[in-house]
N, C-alpha and C. Protein backbone atom coordinates (compact mmCIF):
# COMPACT_ATOMS: atom_id res chain seq x y z
N MET A 1 283.62 -63.21 116.65
CA MET A 1 282.43 -64.03 116.79
C MET A 1 281.29 -63.36 116.03
N VAL A 2 280.33 -64.17 115.67
CA VAL A 2 279.15 -63.72 114.93
C VAL A 2 278.26 -62.89 115.85
N ASP A 3 277.62 -61.88 115.28
CA ASP A 3 276.65 -61.09 116.03
C ASP A 3 275.56 -62.03 116.55
N PRO A 4 275.37 -62.11 117.87
CA PRO A 4 274.42 -63.07 118.43
C PRO A 4 272.96 -62.80 118.07
N THR A 5 272.67 -61.63 117.52
CA THR A 5 271.29 -61.34 117.15
C THR A 5 270.99 -61.71 115.71
N SER A 6 271.99 -62.13 114.95
CA SER A 6 271.77 -62.47 113.55
C SER A 6 271.63 -63.98 113.40
N ASP A 7 271.06 -64.39 112.26
CA ASP A 7 270.91 -65.82 111.98
C ASP A 7 272.28 -66.44 111.76
N LEU A 8 272.41 -67.68 112.21
CA LEU A 8 273.63 -68.42 111.94
C LEU A 8 273.40 -69.20 110.65
N GLY A 9 273.91 -68.66 109.57
CA GLY A 9 273.71 -69.28 108.26
C GLY A 9 274.96 -69.91 107.73
N GLU A 10 274.99 -70.08 106.41
CA GLU A 10 276.11 -70.78 105.83
C GLU A 10 277.42 -70.01 105.85
N ASP A 11 277.41 -68.73 106.19
CA ASP A 11 278.65 -67.96 106.23
C ASP A 11 279.43 -68.13 107.54
N VAL A 12 278.95 -68.98 108.44
CA VAL A 12 279.62 -69.21 109.73
C VAL A 12 280.59 -70.37 109.58
N ASP A 13 281.84 -70.12 109.97
CA ASP A 13 282.81 -71.21 109.97
C ASP A 13 283.43 -71.31 111.37
N GLU A 14 284.34 -72.24 111.56
CA GLU A 14 284.90 -72.48 112.88
C GLU A 14 285.62 -71.27 113.47
N SER A 15 286.12 -70.38 112.62
CA SER A 15 286.88 -69.23 113.13
C SER A 15 285.99 -68.18 113.77
N ASN A 16 284.69 -68.15 113.44
CA ASN A 16 283.81 -67.13 114.02
C ASN A 16 282.53 -67.71 114.62
N ALA A 17 282.49 -69.03 114.82
CA ALA A 17 281.30 -69.67 115.38
C ALA A 17 281.28 -69.53 116.90
N PRO A 18 280.09 -69.33 117.47
CA PRO A 18 279.99 -69.29 118.93
C PRO A 18 280.15 -70.70 119.50
N GLU A 19 280.51 -70.76 120.78
CA GLU A 19 280.72 -72.03 121.47
C GLU A 19 279.57 -72.26 122.44
N CYS A 20 279.10 -73.49 122.53
CA CYS A 20 278.02 -73.83 123.45
C CYS A 20 278.51 -73.64 124.89
N ALA A 21 277.73 -72.92 125.70
CA ALA A 21 278.11 -72.64 127.09
C ALA A 21 278.10 -73.89 127.96
N THR A 22 277.42 -74.94 127.53
CA THR A 22 277.34 -76.16 128.32
C THR A 22 278.38 -77.20 127.90
N CYS A 23 278.38 -77.57 126.62
CA CYS A 23 279.24 -78.67 126.18
C CYS A 23 280.52 -78.21 125.49
N GLY A 24 280.59 -76.93 125.09
CA GLY A 24 281.80 -76.41 124.47
C GLY A 24 281.90 -76.64 122.98
N GLU A 25 280.92 -77.30 122.37
CA GLU A 25 280.95 -77.54 120.93
C GLU A 25 280.75 -76.23 120.17
N LEU A 26 281.41 -76.11 119.01
CA LEU A 26 281.18 -74.96 118.15
C LEU A 26 279.81 -75.11 117.50
N ILE A 27 279.09 -74.01 117.42
CA ILE A 27 277.75 -74.03 116.85
C ILE A 27 277.83 -73.51 115.42
N ILE A 28 277.76 -74.43 114.49
CA ILE A 28 277.89 -74.10 113.06
C ILE A 28 276.64 -74.59 112.35
N GLN A 29 275.88 -73.67 111.77
CA GLN A 29 274.68 -73.97 111.00
C GLN A 29 273.74 -74.89 111.77
N SER A 30 273.44 -74.56 112.98
CA SER A 30 272.57 -75.37 113.81
C SER A 30 271.15 -74.82 113.83
N PRO A 31 270.16 -75.60 113.39
CA PRO A 31 268.78 -75.12 113.44
C PRO A 31 268.21 -75.10 114.86
N THR A 32 268.90 -75.72 115.81
CA THR A 32 268.41 -75.78 117.19
C THR A 32 269.17 -74.85 118.12
N HIS A 33 270.00 -73.96 117.57
CA HIS A 33 270.80 -73.01 118.34
C HIS A 33 269.92 -72.11 119.19
N ARG A 34 270.30 -71.94 120.45
CA ARG A 34 269.56 -71.08 121.36
C ARG A 34 270.53 -70.08 121.99
N VAL A 35 270.04 -68.88 122.32
CA VAL A 35 270.85 -67.84 122.94
C VAL A 35 270.09 -67.27 124.13
N LEU A 36 270.78 -67.17 125.26
CA LEU A 36 270.23 -66.47 126.43
C LEU A 36 271.00 -65.17 126.58
N THR A 37 270.28 -64.09 126.75
CA THR A 37 270.89 -62.78 126.92
C THR A 37 270.53 -62.26 128.30
N SER A 38 271.54 -61.71 128.99
CA SER A 38 271.31 -61.15 130.32
C SER A 38 272.21 -59.94 130.51
N VAL A 39 271.93 -59.17 131.54
CA VAL A 39 272.77 -58.03 131.90
C VAL A 39 273.37 -58.34 133.26
N GLU A 40 274.70 -58.37 133.32
CA GLU A 40 275.42 -58.65 134.56
C GLU A 40 276.40 -57.52 134.82
N ASP A 41 276.23 -56.86 135.95
CA ASP A 41 277.08 -55.72 136.31
C ASP A 41 277.09 -54.66 135.21
N GLY A 42 275.94 -54.44 134.59
CA GLY A 42 275.81 -53.41 133.56
C GLY A 42 276.36 -53.81 132.20
N ILE A 43 276.75 -55.07 132.03
CA ILE A 43 277.31 -55.55 130.76
C ILE A 43 276.39 -56.64 130.20
N VAL A 44 276.06 -56.51 128.91
CA VAL A 44 275.22 -57.50 128.26
C VAL A 44 276.04 -58.76 128.02
N GLN A 45 275.48 -59.90 128.42
CA GLN A 45 276.12 -61.20 128.24
C GLN A 45 275.24 -62.06 127.33
N HIS A 46 275.87 -62.77 126.39
CA HIS A 46 275.17 -63.70 125.50
C HIS A 46 275.76 -65.08 125.74
N ARG A 47 274.89 -66.04 126.03
CA ARG A 47 275.34 -67.41 126.18
C ARG A 47 274.65 -68.24 125.10
N HIS A 48 275.46 -68.95 124.33
CA HIS A 48 274.97 -69.75 123.22
C HIS A 48 274.87 -71.22 123.64
N PHE A 49 273.87 -71.91 123.08
CA PHE A 49 273.65 -73.32 123.39
C PHE A 49 273.34 -74.08 122.10
N CYS A 50 273.82 -75.32 122.02
CA CYS A 50 273.59 -76.17 120.84
C CYS A 50 272.11 -76.41 120.60
N ASP A 51 271.40 -76.65 121.70
CA ASP A 51 269.99 -77.02 121.59
C ASP A 51 269.30 -76.80 122.94
N ASP A 52 268.04 -77.16 123.00
CA ASP A 52 267.27 -76.97 124.22
C ASP A 52 267.80 -77.80 125.38
N ASP A 53 268.34 -78.99 125.11
CA ASP A 53 268.89 -79.83 126.18
C ASP A 53 270.08 -79.17 126.86
N CYS A 54 271.01 -78.63 126.08
CA CYS A 54 272.17 -77.93 126.66
C CYS A 54 271.73 -76.69 127.42
N LYS A 55 270.75 -75.97 126.87
CA LYS A 55 270.23 -74.78 127.55
C LYS A 55 269.60 -75.16 128.88
N ALA A 56 268.80 -76.23 128.88
CA ALA A 56 268.14 -76.68 130.11
C ALA A 56 269.18 -77.13 131.15
N GLU A 57 270.20 -77.85 130.70
CA GLU A 57 271.25 -78.30 131.63
C GLU A 57 271.96 -77.11 132.27
N TRP A 58 272.25 -76.07 131.49
CA TRP A 58 272.95 -74.89 132.00
C TRP A 58 272.06 -74.14 133.00
N THR A 59 270.78 -73.99 132.69
CA THR A 59 269.89 -73.22 133.56
C THR A 59 269.57 -73.96 134.85
N GLU A 60 269.68 -75.29 134.86
CA GLU A 60 269.45 -76.08 136.07
C GLU A 60 270.59 -75.96 137.06
N ASN A 61 271.77 -75.62 136.59
CA ASN A 61 272.95 -75.53 137.49
C ASN A 61 273.09 -74.20 138.12
């Protein structure tokens, strides 16, 4: 998978694209891509989202 701290540019393809935590779509060259980072049990977790709507839906649950 792509380093979550780097820009998702044209070098991202389906084999290394992150998956949206809400809808499961692959995030490829998305200008609305969002990432939430948290620490759970001492491990850094990154959750990727297609856009603000998917992020909002995930955080509401």
